[in-house]
PDB file of N, CA and C in Angstrom:
ATOM      1  N   GLN A   1      15.865   5.642  17.119  1.00  0.00           N
ATOM      2  CA  GLN A   1      15.883   5.310  15.733  1.00  0.00           C
ATOM      3  C   GLN A   1      14.966   4.132  15.462  1.00  0.00           C
ATOM      4  N   VAL A   2      14.587   4.012  14.205  1.00  0.00           N
ATOM      5  CA  VAL A   2      13.680   2.968  13.760  1.00  0.00           C
ATOM      6  C   VAL A   2      14.339   2.205  12.627  1.00  0.00           C
ATOM      7  N   GLN A   3      14.185   0.901  12.653  1.00  0.00           N
ATOM      8  CA  GLN A   3      14.639   0.056  11.565  1.00  0.00           C
ATOM      9  C   GLN A   3      13.426  -0.574  10.895  1.00  0.00           C
ATOM     10  N   LEU A   4      13.444  -0.609   9.578  1.00  0.00           N
ATOM     11  CA  LEU A   4      12.356  -1.164   8.797  1.00  0.00           C
ATOM     12  C   LEU A   4      12.908  -2.256   7.891  1.00  0.00           C
ATOM     13  N   VAL A   5      12.268  -3.402   7.907  1.00  0.00           N
ATOM     14  CA  VAL A   5      12.686  -4.525   7.083  1.00  0.00           C
ATOM     15  C   VAL A   5      11.493  -5.024   6.293  1.00  0.00           C
ATOM     16  N   GLU A   6      11.592  -4.955   4.971  1.00  0.00           N
ATOM     17  CA  GLU A   6      10.524  -5.402   4.094  1.00  0.00           C
ATOM     18  C   GLU A   6      10.734  -6.851   3.682  1.00  0.00           C
ATOM     19  N   SER A   7       9.638  -7.505   3.373  1.00  0.00           N
ATOM     20  CA  SER A   7       9.688  -8.848   2.827  1.00  0.00           C
ATOM     21  C   SER A   7       8.424  -9.092   2.014  1.00  0.00           C
ATOM     22  N   GLY A   8       8.425 -10.156   1.252  1.00  0.00           N
ATOM     23  CA  GLY A   8       7.238 -10.560   0.528  1.00  0.00           C
ATOM     24  C   GLY A   8       7.267 -10.311  -0.959  1.00  0.00           C
ATOM     25  N   GLY A   9       8.287  -9.633  -1.442  1.00  0.00           N
ATOM     26  CA  GLY A   9       8.386  -9.401  -2.870  1.00  0.00           C
ATOM     27  C   GLY A   9       8.717 -10.676  -3.614  1.00  0.00           C
ATOM     28  N   GLY A  10       8.590 -10.606  -4.913  1.00  0.00           N
ATOM     29  CA  GLY A  10       8.883 -11.761  -5.735  1.00  0.00           C
ATOM     30  C   GLY A  10       8.399 -11.576  -7.144  1.00  0.00           C
ATOM     31  N   LEU A  11       8.359 -12.680  -7.858  1.00  0.00           N
ATOM     32  CA  LEU A  11       7.915 -12.713  -9.240  1.00  0.00           C
ATOM     33  C   LEU A  11       6.523 -13.304  -9.304  1.00  0.00           C
ATOM     34  N   VAL A  12       5.630 -12.616  -9.987  1.00  0.00           N
ATOM     35  CA  VAL A  12       4.256 -13.070 -10.102  1.00  0.00           C
ATOM     36  C   VAL A  12       3.742 -12.729 -11.494  1.00  0.00           C
ATOM     37  N   GLN A  13       2.833 -13.541 -11.986  1.00  0.00           N
ATOM     38  CA  GLN A  13       2.216 -13.263 -13.275  1.00  0.00           C
ATOM     39  C   GLN A  13       1.142 -12.199 -13.144  1.00  0.00           C
ATOM     40  N   ALA A  14       0.889 -11.504 -14.228  1.00  0.00           N
ATOM     41  CA  ALA A  14      -0.180 -10.511 -14.238  1.00  0.00           C
ATOM     42  C   ALA A  14      -1.483 -11.136 -13.765  1.00  0.00           C
ATOM     43  N   GLY A  15      -2.175 -10.398 -12.918  1.00  0.00           N
ATOM     44  CA  GLY A  15      -3.401 -10.893 -12.328  1.00  0.00           C
ATOM     45  C   GLY A  15      -3.214 -11.578 -10.994  1.00  0.00           C
ATOM     46  N   GLY A  16      -1.982 -11.853 -10.631  1.00  0.00           N
ATOM     47  CA  GLY A  16      -1.701 -12.518  -9.381  1.00  0.00           C
ATOM     48  C   GLY A  16      -1.650 -11.569  -8.208  1.00  0.00           C
ATOM     49  N   SER A  17      -1.279 -12.119  -7.060  1.00  0.00           N
ATOM     50  CA  SER A  17      -1.274 -11.360  -5.816  1.00  0.00           C
ATOM     51  C   SER A  17       0.016 -11.578  -5.048  1.00  0.00           C
ATOM     52  N   LEU A  18       0.392 -10.580  -4.287  1.00  0.00           N
ATOM     53  CA  LEU A  18       1.486 -10.655  -3.336  1.00  0.00           C
ATOM     54  C   LEU A  18       1.100  -9.854  -2.105  1.00  0.00           C
ATOM     55  N   ARG A  19       1.680 -10.217  -0.980  1.00  0.00           N
ATOM     56  CA  ARG A  19       1.528  -9.418   0.224  1.00  0.00           C
ATOM     57  C   ARG A  19       2.901  -9.036   0.750  1.00  0.00           C
ATOM     58  N   LEU A  20       3.149  -7.755   0.827  1.00  0.00           N
ATOM     59  CA  LEU A  20       4.383  -7.242   1.374  1.00  0.00           C
ATOM     60  C   LEU A  20       4.222  -6.965   2.863  1.00  0.00           C
ATOM     61  N   SER A  21       5.290  -7.191   3.595  1.00  0.00           N
ATOM     62  CA  SER A  21       5.306  -6.910   5.018  1.00  0.00           C
ATOM     63  C   SER A  21       6.488  -6.020   5.350  1.00  0.00           C
ATOM     64  N   CYS A  22       6.311  -5.171   6.326  1.00  0.00           N
ATOM     65  CA  CYS A  22       7.370  -4.301   6.808  1.00  0.00           C
ATOM     66  C   CYS A  22       7.357  -4.342   8.324  1.00  0.00           C
ATOM     67  N   VAL A  23       8.419  -4.864   8.887  1.00  0.00           N
ATOM     68  CA  VAL A  23       8.533  -4.978  10.333  1.00  0.00           C
ATOM     69  C   VAL A  23       9.347  -3.809  10.861  1.00  0.00           C
ATOM     70  N   ALA A  24       8.753  -3.040  11.744  1.00  0.00           N
ATOM     71  CA  ALA A  24       9.428  -1.915  12.367  1.00  0.00           C
ATOM     72  C   ALA A  24       9.959  -2.313  13.731  1.00  0.00           C
ATOM     73  N   SER A  25      11.162  -1.873  14.029  1.00  0.00           N
ATOM     74  CA  SER A  25      11.752  -2.122  15.331  1.00  0.00           C
ATOM     75  C   SER A  25      12.497  -0.876  15.789  1.00  0.00           C
ATOM     76  N   GLY A  26      12.817  -0.828  17.060  1.00  0.00           N
ATOM     77  CA  GLY A  26      13.475   0.330  17.633  1.00  0.00           C
ATOM     78  C   GLY A  26      12.474   1.235  18.325  1.00  0.00           C
ATOM     79  N   SER A  27      12.594   2.525  18.099  1.00  0.00           N
ATOM     80  CA  SER A  27      11.752   3.520  18.763  1.00  0.00           C
ATOM     81  C   SER A  27      10.425   3.685  18.039  1.00  0.00           C
ATOM     82  N   ILE A  28       9.648   2.624  18.020  1.00  0.00           N
ATOM     83  CA  ILE A  28       8.419   2.639  17.227  1.00  0.00           C
ATOM     84  C   ILE A  28       7.367   3.589  17.798  1.00  0.00           C
ATOM     85  N   PHE A  29       7.521   3.967  19.054  1.00  0.00           N
ATOM     86  CA  PHE A  29       6.596   4.927  19.649  1.00  0.00           C
ATOM     87  C   PHE A  29       6.681   6.291  18.979  1.00  0.00           C
ATOM     88  N   SER A  30       7.764   6.545  18.277  1.00  0.00           N
ATOM     89  CA  SER A  30       7.974   7.836  17.628  1.00  0.00           C
ATOM     90  C   SER A  30       7.358   7.920  16.241  1.00  0.00           C
ATOM     91  N   ILE A  31       6.738   6.852  15.764  1.00  0.00           N
ATOM     92  CA  ILE A  31       6.217   6.797  14.401  1.00  0.00           C
ATOM     93  C   ILE A  31       4.800   7.344  14.331  1.00  0.00           C
ATOM     94  N   ASN A  32       4.553   8.172  13.355  1.00  0.00           N
ATOM     95  CA  ASN A  32       3.195   8.586  13.022  1.00  0.00           C
ATOM     96  C   ASN A  32       2.690   7.772  11.831  1.00  0.00           C
ATOM     97  N   ASP A  33       2.769   8.335  10.643  1.00  0.00           N
ATOM     98  CA  ASP A  33       2.292   7.635   9.466  1.00  0.00           C
ATOM     99  C   ASP A  33       3.299   6.603   8.987  1.00  0.00           C
ATOM    100  N   MET A  34       2.788   5.581   8.326  1.00  0.00           N
ATOM    101  CA  MET A  34       3.630   4.624   7.638  1.00  0.00           C
ATOM    102  C   MET A  34       3.083   4.448   6.231  1.00  0.00           C
ATOM    103  N   GLY A  35       3.944   4.056   5.334  1.00  0.00           N
ATOM    104  CA  GLY A  35       3.487   3.906   3.968  1.00  0.00           C
ATOM    105  C   GLY A  35       4.396   3.052   3.131  1.00  0.00           C
ATOM    106  N   TRP A  36       3.942   2.846   1.919  1.00  0.00           N
ATOM    107  CA  TRP A  36       4.704   2.129   0.919  1.00  0.00           C
ATOM    108  C   TRP A  36       4.947   3.036  -0.276  1.00  0.00           C
ATOM    109  N   TYR A  37       6.171   3.055  -0.734  1.00  0.00           N
ATOM    110  CA  TYR A  37       6.564   3.735  -1.954  1.00  0.00           C
ATOM    111  C   TYR A  37       7.132   2.704  -2.915  1.00  0.00           C
ATOM    112  N   ARG A  38       7.216   3.085  -4.164  1.00  0.00           N
ATOM    113  CA  ARG A  38       7.850   2.202  -5.130  1.00  0.00           C
ATOM    114  C   ARG A  38       8.654   3.013  -6.130  1.00  0.00           C
ATOM    115  N   GLN A  39       9.654   2.369  -6.688  1.00  0.00           N
ATOM    116  CA  GLN A  39      10.508   3.008  -7.671  1.00  0.00           C
ATOM    117  C   GLN A  39      10.845   2.011  -8.766  1.00  0.00           C
ATOM    118  N   ALA A  40      10.425   2.330  -9.964  1.00  0.00           N
ATOM    119  CA  ALA A  40      10.768   1.542 -11.132  1.00  0.00           C
ATOM    120  C   ALA A  40      12.046   2.098 -11.748  1.00  0.00           C
ATOM    121  N   PRO A  41      12.770   1.295 -12.520  1.00  0.00           N
ATOM    122  CA  PRO A  41      14.003   1.782 -13.144  1.00  0.00           C
ATOM    123  C   PRO A  41      13.766   3.037 -13.970  1.00  0.00           C
ATOM    124  N   GLY A  42      14.597   4.043 -13.744  1.00  0.00           N
ATOM    125  CA  GLY A  42      14.490   5.284 -14.475  1.00  0.00           C
ATOM    126  C   GLY A  42      13.354   6.187 -14.054  1.00  0.00           C
ATOM    127  N   LYS A  43      12.638   5.814 -13.015  1.00  0.00           N
ATOM    128  CA  LYS A  43      11.490   6.587 -12.552  1.00  0.00           C
ATOM    129  C   LYS A  43      11.749   7.173 -11.170  1.00  0.00           C
ATOM    130  N   GLN A  44      10.984   8.191 -10.840  1.00  0.00           N
ATOM    131  CA  GLN A  44      11.015   8.755  -9.498  1.00  0.00           C
ATOM    132  C   GLN A  44      10.311   7.813  -8.526  1.00  0.00           C
ATOM    133  N   ARG A  45      10.754   7.852  -7.292  1.00  0.00           N
ATOM    134  CA  ARG A  45      10.052   7.113  -6.266  1.00  0.00           C
ATOM    135  C   ARG A  45       8.680   7.746  -6.042  1.00  0.00           C
ATOM    136  N   GLU A  46       7.647   6.930  -5.997  1.00  0.00           N
ATOM    137  CA  GLU A  46       6.294   7.436  -5.872  1.00  0.00           C
ATOM    138  C   GLU A  46       5.566   6.780  -4.712  1.00  0.00           C
ATOM    139  N   LEU A  47       4.661   7.536  -4.142  1.00  0.00           N
ATOM    140  CA  LEU A  47       3.833   7.021  -3.064  1.00  0.00           C
ATOM    141  C   LEU A  47       2.819   6.035  -3.608  1.00  0.00           C
ATOM    142  N   VAL A  48       2.714   4.898  -2.959  1.00  0.00           N
ATOM    143  CA  VAL A  48       1.726   3.888  -3.307  1.00  0.00           C
ATOM    144  C   VAL A  48       0.540   3.950  -2.358  1.00  0.00           C
ATOM    145  N   ALA A  49       0.820   3.935  -1.068  1.00  0.00           N
ATOM    146  CA  ALA A  49      -0.237   3.936  -0.064  1.00  0.00           C
ATOM    147  C   ALA A  49       0.335   4.429   1.248  1.00  0.00           C
ATOM    148  N   VAL A  50      -0.514   5.043   2.049  1.00  0.00           N
ATOM    149  CA  VAL A  50      -0.102   5.523   3.356  1.00  0.00           C
ATOM    150  C   VAL A  50      -1.200   5.211   4.358  1.00  0.00           C
ATOM    151  N   ILE A  51      -0.805   4.955   5.582  1.00  0.00           N
ATOM    152  CA  ILE A  51      -1.753   4.700   6.654  1.00  0.00           C
ATOM    153  C   ILE A  51      -1.312   5.484   7.878  1.00  0.00           C
ATOM    154  N   THR A  52      -2.246   6.184   8.490  1.00  0.00           N
ATOM    155  CA  THR A  52      -1.946   6.975   9.672  1.00  0.00           C
ATOM    156  C   THR A  52      -1.964   6.108  10.911  1.00  0.00           C
ATOM    157  N   ARG A  53      -1.533   6.685  12.011  1.00  0.00           N
ATOM    158  CA  ARG A  53      -1.570   5.975  13.278  1.00  0.00           C
ATOM    159  C   ARG A  53      -3.000   5.575  13.634  1.00  0.00           C
ATOM    160  N   GLY A  54      -3.961   6.394  13.233  1.00  0.00           N
ATOM    161  CA  GLY A  54      -5.355   6.103  13.503  1.00  0.00           C
ATOM    162  C   GLY A  54      -6.013   5.167  12.518  1.00  0.00           C
ATOM    163  N   GLY A  55      -5.292   4.741  11.496  1.00  0.00           N
ATOM    164  CA  GLY A  55      -5.819   3.771  10.557  1.00  0.00           C
ATOM    165  C   GLY A  55      -6.429   4.344   9.295  1.00  0.00           C
ATOM    166  N   ASN A  56      -6.370   5.642   9.105  1.00  0.00           N
ATOM    167  CA  ASN A  56      -6.851   6.226   7.860  1.00  0.00           C
ATOM    168  C   ASN A  56      -5.875   5.932   6.733  1.00  0.00           C
ATOM    169  N   THR A  57      -6.406   5.664   5.556  1.00  0.00           N
ATOM    170  CA  THR A  57      -5.575   5.253   4.434  1.00  0.00           C
ATOM    171  C   THR A  57      -5.786   6.144   3.224  1.00  0.00           C
ATOM    172  N   ASN A  58      -4.751   6.228   2.416  1.00  0.00           N
ATOM    173  CA  ASN A  58      -4.810   6.903   1.126  1.00  0.00           C
ATOM    174  C   ASN A  58      -3.990   6.098   0.132  1.00  0.00           C
ATOM    175  N   TYR A  59      -4.432   6.115  -1.119  1.00  0.00           N
ATOM    176  CA  TYR A  59      -3.793   5.324  -2.158  1.00  0.00           C
ATOM    177  C   TYR A  59      -3.542   6.157  -3.401  1.00  0.00           C
ATOM    178  N   ALA A  60      -2.491   5.797  -4.101  1.00  0.00           N
ATOM    179  CA  ALA A  60      -2.299   6.340  -5.427  1.00  0.00           C
ATOM    180  C   ALA A  60      -3.436   5.877  -6.330  1.00  0.00           C
ATOM    181  N   ASP A  61      -3.831   6.738  -7.257  1.00  0.00           N
ATOM    182  CA  ASP A  61      -4.929   6.388  -8.149  1.00  0.00           C
ATOM    183  C   ASP A  61      -4.664   5.090  -8.909  1.00  0.00           C
ATOM    184  N   SER A  62      -3.422   4.842  -9.231  1.00  0.00           N
ATOM    185  CA  SER A  62      -3.076   3.681 -10.034  1.00  0.00           C
ATOM    186  C   SER A  62      -3.289   2.350  -9.318  1.00  0.00           C
ATOM    187  N   VAL A  63      -3.411   2.380  -8.000  1.00  0.00           N
ATOM    188  CA  VAL A  63      -3.554   1.130  -7.249  1.00  0.00           C
ATOM    189  C   VAL A  63      -4.876   1.034  -6.510  1.00  0.00           C
ATOM    190  N   LYS A  64      -5.693   2.054  -6.564  1.00  0.00           N
ATOM    191  CA  LYS A  64      -6.974   2.030  -5.865  1.00  0.00           C
ATOM    192  C   LYS A  64      -7.822   0.861  -6.348  1.00  0.00           C
ATOM    193  N   GLY A  65      -8.403   0.172  -5.403  1.00  0.00           N
ATOM    194  CA  GLY A  65      -9.228  -0.981  -5.722  1.00  0.00           C
ATOM    195  C   GLY A  65      -8.462  -2.265  -5.877  1.00  0.00           C
ATOM    196  N   ARG A  66      -7.148  -2.198  -5.933  1.00  0.00           N
ATOM    197  CA  ARG A  66      -6.317  -3.388  -6.088  1.00  0.00           C
ATOM    198  C   ARG A  66      -5.413  -3.644  -4.891  1.00  0.00           C
ATOM    199  N   PHE A  67      -4.912  -2.585  -4.279  1.00  0.00           N
ATOM    200  CA  PHE A  67      -3.983  -2.703  -3.158  1.00  0.00           C
ATOM    201  C   PHE A  67      -4.675  -2.290  -1.871  1.00  0.00           C
ATOM    202  N   THR A  68      -4.273  -2.904  -0.776  1.00  0.00           N
ATOM    203  CA  THR A  68      -4.782  -2.558   0.536  1.00  0.00           C
ATOM    204  C   THR A  68      -3.628  -2.463   1.515  1.00  0.00           C
ATOM    205  N   ILE A  69      -3.523  -1.334   2.188  1.00  0.00           N
ATOM    206  CA  ILE A  69      -2.513  -1.161   3.217  1.00  0.00           C
ATOM    207  C   ILE A  69      -3.158  -1.377   4.579  1.00  0.00           C
ATOM    208  N   SER A  70      -2.435  -1.997   5.470  1.00  0.00           N
ATOM    209  CA  SER A  70      -2.921  -2.213   6.824  1.00  0.00           C
ATOM    210  C   SER A  70      -1.759  -2.123   7.796  1.00  0.00           C
ATOM    211  N   ARG A  71      -2.094  -2.043   9.060  1.00  0.00           N
ATOM    212  CA  ARG A  71      -1.097  -1.799  10.096  1.00  0.00           C
ATOM    213  C   ARG A  71      -1.565  -2.436  11.382  1.00  0.00           C
ATOM    214  N   ASP A  72      -0.673  -3.127  12.060  1.00  0.00           N
ATOM    215  CA  ASP A  72      -1.052  -3.729  13.324  1.00  0.00           C
ATOM    216  C   ASP A  72      -0.528  -2.903  14.482  1.00  0.00           C
ATOM    217  N   ILE A  73      -0.870  -3.308  15.693  1.00  0.00           N
ATOM    218  CA  ILE A  73      -0.542  -2.508  16.870  1.00  0.00           C
ATOM    219  C   ILE A  73       0.946  -2.489  17.165  1.00  0.00           C
ATOM    220  N   ALA A  74       1.693  -3.407  16.596  1.00  0.00           N
ATOM    221  CA  ALA A  74       3.138  -3.439  16.755  1.00  0.00           C
ATOM    222  C   ALA A  74       3.855  -2.657  15.659  1.00  0.00           C
ATOM    223  N   ASN A  75       3.091  -1.921  14.853  1.00  0.00           N
ATOM    224  CA  ASN A  75       3.647  -1.122  13.769  1.00  0.00           C
ATOM    225  C   ASN A  75       4.343  -1.961  12.709  1.00  0.00           C
ATOM    226  N   THR A  76       3.777  -3.115  12.446  1.00  0.00           N
ATOM    227  CA  THR A  76       4.085  -3.834  11.230  1.00  0.00           C
ATOM    228  C   THR A  76       3.059  -3.410  10.188  1.00  0.00           C
ATOM    229  N   VAL A  77       3.518  -3.022   9.034  1.00  0.00           N
ATOM    230  CA  VAL A  77       2.637  -2.553   7.975  1.00  0.00           C
ATOM    231  C   VAL A  77       2.659  -3.550   6.826  1.00  0.00           C
ATOM    232  N   TYR A  78       1.508  -3.716   6.204  1.00  0.00           N
ATOM    233  CA  TYR A  78       1.344  -4.686   5.138  1.00  0.00           C
ATOM    234  C   TYR A  78       0.806  -3.993   3.897  1.00  0.00           C
ATOM    235  N   LEU A  79       1.099  -4.563   2.771  1.00  0.00           N
ATOM    236  CA  LEU A  79       0.510  -4.126   1.515  1.00  0.00           C
ATOM    237  C   LEU A  79       0.042  -5.356   0.768  1.00  0.00           C
ATOM    238  N   GLN A  80      -1.263  -5.558   0.744  1.00  0.00           N
ATOM    239  CA  GLN A  80      -1.855  -6.634  -0.026  1.00  0.00           C
ATOM    240  C   GLN A  80      -2.063  -6.133  -1.444  1.00  0.00           C
ATOM    241  N   MET A  81      -1.450  -6.808  -2.388  1.00  0.00           N
ATOM    242  CA  MET A  81      -1.490  -6.393  -3.777  1.00  0.00           C
ATOM    243  C   MET A  81      -2.201  -7.459  -4.588  1.00  0.00           C
ATOM    244  N   ASN A  82      -3.342  -7.102  -5.131  1.00  0.00           N
ATOM    245  CA  ASN A  82      -4.128  -8.002  -5.955  1.00  0.00           C
ATOM    246  C   ASN A  82      -4.202  -7.473  -7.378  1.00  0.00           C
ATOM    247  N   SER A  83      -4.575  -8.345  -8.282  1.00  0.00           N
ATOM    248  CA  SER A  83      -4.727  -7.979  -9.697  1.00  0.00           C
ATOM    249  C   SER A  83      -3.503  -7.240 -10.208  1.00  0.00           C
ATOM    250  N   LEU A  84      -2.355  -7.788  -9.934  1.00  0.00           N
ATOM    251  CA  LEU A  84      -1.109  -7.119 -10.284  1.00  0.00           C
ATOM    252  C   LEU A  84      -0.949  -6.983 -11.790  1.00  0.00           C
ATOM    253  N   LYS A  85      -0.359  -5.878 -12.167  1.00  0.00           N
ATOM    254  CA  LYS A  85      -0.091  -5.550 -13.559  1.00  0.00           C
ATOM    255  C   LYS A  85       1.408  -5.399 -13.775  1.00  0.00           C
ATOM    256  N   PRO A  86       1.879  -5.589 -14.995  1.00  0.00           N
ATOM    257  CA  PRO A  86       3.304  -5.356 -15.257  1.00  0.00           C
ATOM    258  C   PRO A  86       3.775  -3.968 -14.845  1.00  0.00           C
ATOM    259  N   GLU A  87       2.900  -2.983 -14.933  1.00  0.00           N
ATOM    260  CA  GLU A  87       3.243  -1.626 -14.537  1.00  0.00           C
ATOM    261  C   GLU A  87       3.525  -1.489 -13.047  1.00  0.00           C
ATOM    262  N   ASP A  88       3.156  -2.488 -12.264  1.00  0.00           N
ATOM    263  CA  ASP A  88       3.442  -2.482 -10.835  1.00  0.00           C
ATOM    264  C   ASP A  88       4.869  -2.917 -10.517  1.00  0.00           C
ATOM    265  N   THR A  89       5.593  -3.372 -11.509  1.00  0.00           N
ATOM    266  CA  THR A  89       6.962  -3.816 -11.297  1.00  0.00           C
ATOM    267  C   THR A  89       7.820  -2.666 -10.785  1.00  0.00           C
ATOM    268  N   ALA A  90       8.450  -2.876  -9.653  1.00  0.00           N
ATOM    269  CA  ALA A  90       9.258  -1.838  -9.021  1.00  0.00           C
ATOM    270  C   ALA A  90       9.892  -2.414  -7.767  1.00  0.00           C
ATOM    271  N   VAL A  91      10.812  -1.662  -7.201  1.00  0.00           N
ATOM    272  CA  VAL A  91      11.260  -1.926  -5.848  1.00  0.00           C
ATOM    273  C   VAL A  91      10.322  -1.183  -4.910  1.00  0.00           C
ATOM    274  N   TYR A  92       9.784  -1.893  -3.959  1.00  0.00           N
ATOM    275  CA  TYR A  92       8.843  -1.326  -3.009  1.00  0.00           C
ATOM    276  C   TYR A  92       9.546  -1.060  -1.688  1.00  0.00           C
ATOM    277  N   TYR A  93       9.368   0.148  -1.178  1.00  0.00           N
ATOM    278  CA  TYR A  93      10.035   0.593   0.035  1.00  0.00           C
ATOM    279  C   TYR A  93       9.021   0.929   1.113  1.00  0.00           C
ATOM    280  N   CYS A  94       9.297   0.479   2.302  1.00  0.00           N
ATOM    281  CA  CYS A  94       8.518   0.853   3.467  1.00  0.00           C
ATOM    282  C   CYS A  94       9.033   2.174   4.013  1.00  0.00           C
ATOM    283  N   ASN A  95       8.116   3.007   4.456  1.00  0.00           N
ATOM    284  CA  ASN A  95       8.448   4.320   4.989  1.00  0.00           C
ATOM    285  C   ASN A  95       7.737   4.540   6.311  1.00  0.00           C
ATOM    286  N   ALA A  96       8.419   5.184   7.225  1.00  0.00           N
ATOM    287  CA  ALA A  96       7.827   5.568   8.500  1.00  0.00           C
ATOM    288  C   ALA A  96       8.168   7.011   8.782  1.00  0.00           C
ATOM    289  N   ALA A  97       7.147   7.809   9.057  1.00  0.00           N
ATOM    290  CA  ALA A  97       7.326   9.223   9.350  1.00  0.00           C
ATOM    291  C   ALA A  97       7.382   9.429  10.854  1.00  0.00           C
ATOM    292  N   PRO A  98       8.412  10.104  11.344  1.00  0.00           N
ATOM    293  CA  PRO A  98       8.526  10.321  12.781  1.00  0.00           C
ATOM    294  C   PRO A  98       7.608  11.425  13.272  1.00  0.00           C
ATOM    295  N   ASN A  99       7.426  11.470  14.576  1.00  0.00           N
ATOM    296  CA  ASN A  99       6.614  12.512  15.188  1.00  0.00           C
ATOM    297  C   ASN A  99       7.214  13.894  14.983  1.00  0.00           C
ATOM    298  N   SER A 100       8.518  13.984  15.059  1.00  0.00           N
ATOM    299  CA  SER A 100       9.212  15.265  15.013  1.00  0.00           C
ATOM    300  C   SER A 100       9.587  15.650  13.592  1.00  0.00           C
ATOM    301  N   PRO A 101       9.325  16.910  13.205  1.00  0.00           N
ATOM    302  CA  PRO A 101       9.768  17.367  11.887  1.00  0.00           C
ATOM    303  C   PRO A 101      11.268  17.515  11.777  1.00  0.00           C
ATOM    304  N   PHE A 102      11.967  17.414  12.869  1.00  0.00           N
ATOM    305  CA  PHE A 102      13.420  17.529  12.876  1.00  0.00           C
ATOM    306  C   PHE A 102      14.120  16.191  12.715  1.00  0.00           C
ATOM    307  N   VAL A 103      13.353  15.136  12.607  1.00  0.00           N
ATOM    308  CA  VAL A 103      13.890  13.799  12.422  1.00  0.00           C
ATOM    309  C   VAL A 103      13.531  13.315  11.026  1.00  0.00           C
ATOM    310  N   ARG A 104      14.505  12.789  10.323  1.00  0.00           N
ATOM    311  CA  ARG A 104      14.283  12.311   8.972  1.00  0.00           C
ATOM    312  C   ARG A 104      13.428  11.049   8.955  1.00  0.00           C
ATOM    313  N   ASP A 105      12.672  10.897   7.882  1.00  0.00           N
ATOM    314  CA  ASP A 105      11.890   9.685   7.692  1.00  0.00           C
ATOM    315  C   ASP A 105      12.787   8.452   7.691  1.00  0.00           C
ATOM    316  N   TYR A 106      12.199   7.351   8.092  1.00  0.00           N
ATOM    317  CA  TYR A 106      12.891   6.074   8.063  1.00  0.00           C
ATOM    318  C   TYR A 106      12.489   5.289   6.822  1.00  0.00           C
ATOM    319  N   TRP A 107      13.431   4.565   6.275  1.00  0.00           N
ATOM    320  CA  TRP A 107      13.209   3.782   5.062  1.00  0.00           C
ATOM    321  C   TRP A 107      13.773   2.386   5.218  1.00  0.00           C
ATOM    322  N   GLY A 108      13.058   1.432   4.648  1.00  0.00           N
ATOM    323  CA  GLY A 108      13.594   0.092   4.532  1.00  0.00           C
ATOM    324  C   GLY A 108      14.506  -0.026   3.333  1.00  0.00           C
ATOM    325  N   GLN A 109      15.067  -1.197   3.157  1.00  0.00           N
ATOM    326  CA  GLN A 109      16.003  -1.441   2.061  1.00  0.00           C
ATOM    327  C   GLN A 109      15.307  -1.740   0.740  1.00  0.00           C
ATOM    328  N   GLY A 110      14.038  -2.061   0.783  1.00  0.00           N
ATOM    329  CA  GLY A 110      13.280  -2.327  -0.418  1.00  0.00           C
ATOM    330  C   GLY A 110      13.142  -3.804  -0.707  1.00  0.00           C
ATOM    331  N   THR A 111      12.065  -4.147  -1.374  1.00  0.00           N
ATOM    332  CA  THR A 111      11.835  -5.505  -1.830  1.00  0.00           C
ATOM    333  C   THR A 111      11.337  -5.458  -3.269  1.00  0.00           C
ATOM    334  N   GLN A 112      11.902  -6.306  -4.102  1.00  0.00           N
ATOM    335  CA  GLN A 112      11.604  -6.278  -5.531  1.00  0.00           C
ATOM    336  C   GLN A 112      10.299  -6.999  -5.823  1.00  0.00           C
ATOM    337  N   VAL A 113       9.442  -6.336  -6.576  1.00  0.00           N
ATOM    338  CA  VAL A 113       8.222  -6.934  -7.099  1.00  0.00           C
ATOM    339  C   VAL A 113       8.307  -6.909  -8.614  1.00  0.00           C
ATOM    340  N   THR A 114       8.194  -8.068  -9.217  1.00  0.00           N
ATOM    341  CA  THR A 114       8.235  -8.175 -10.664  1.00  0.00           C
ATOM    342  C   THR A 114       6.973  -8.876 -11.138  1.00  0.00           C
ATOM    343  N   VAL A 115       6.250  -8.235 -12.032  1.00  0.00           N
ATOM    344  CA  VAL A 115       5.007  -8.771 -12.563  1.00  0.00           C
ATOM    345  C   VAL A 115       5.208  -9.038 -14.047  1.00  0.00           C
ATOM    346  N   SER A 116       5.098 -10.281 -14.437  1.00  0.00           N
ATOM    347  CA  SER A 116       5.276 -10.650 -15.827  1.00  0.00           C
ATOM    348  C   SER A 116       3.970 -10.490 -16.593  1.00  0.00           C
ATOM    349  N   SER A 117       4.086 -10.180 -17.861  1.00  0.00           N
ATOM    350  CA  SER A 117       2.918  -9.971 -18.697  1.00  0.00           C
ATOM    351  C   SER A 117       2.381 -11.275 -19.245  1.00  0.00           C
TER     352      SER A 117
END
């Protein structure tokens, strides 16, 4: 099993920056892709960014050019968020996809990001 713990959320003014971190522990050898999702009140959880084991990245159109996902060799994943907008306000969740399709994805508890206008 894998445990994911997010940190780095907080309150920031529009135009500001935050960096989220997600520390993975446990059976980290079983992880393939990792990513960040977010969920605003009353909204569906949506993919923000994903990074593969090989370092390839993909981003939601809404964050391209502003957010950067990265990953270190210990499977800690980061999300650098620049030029934040009020629309970015959400709970941000770290996700880790296992190697096996028979194993459910792992999720962190979430960290709140609030961007004031």
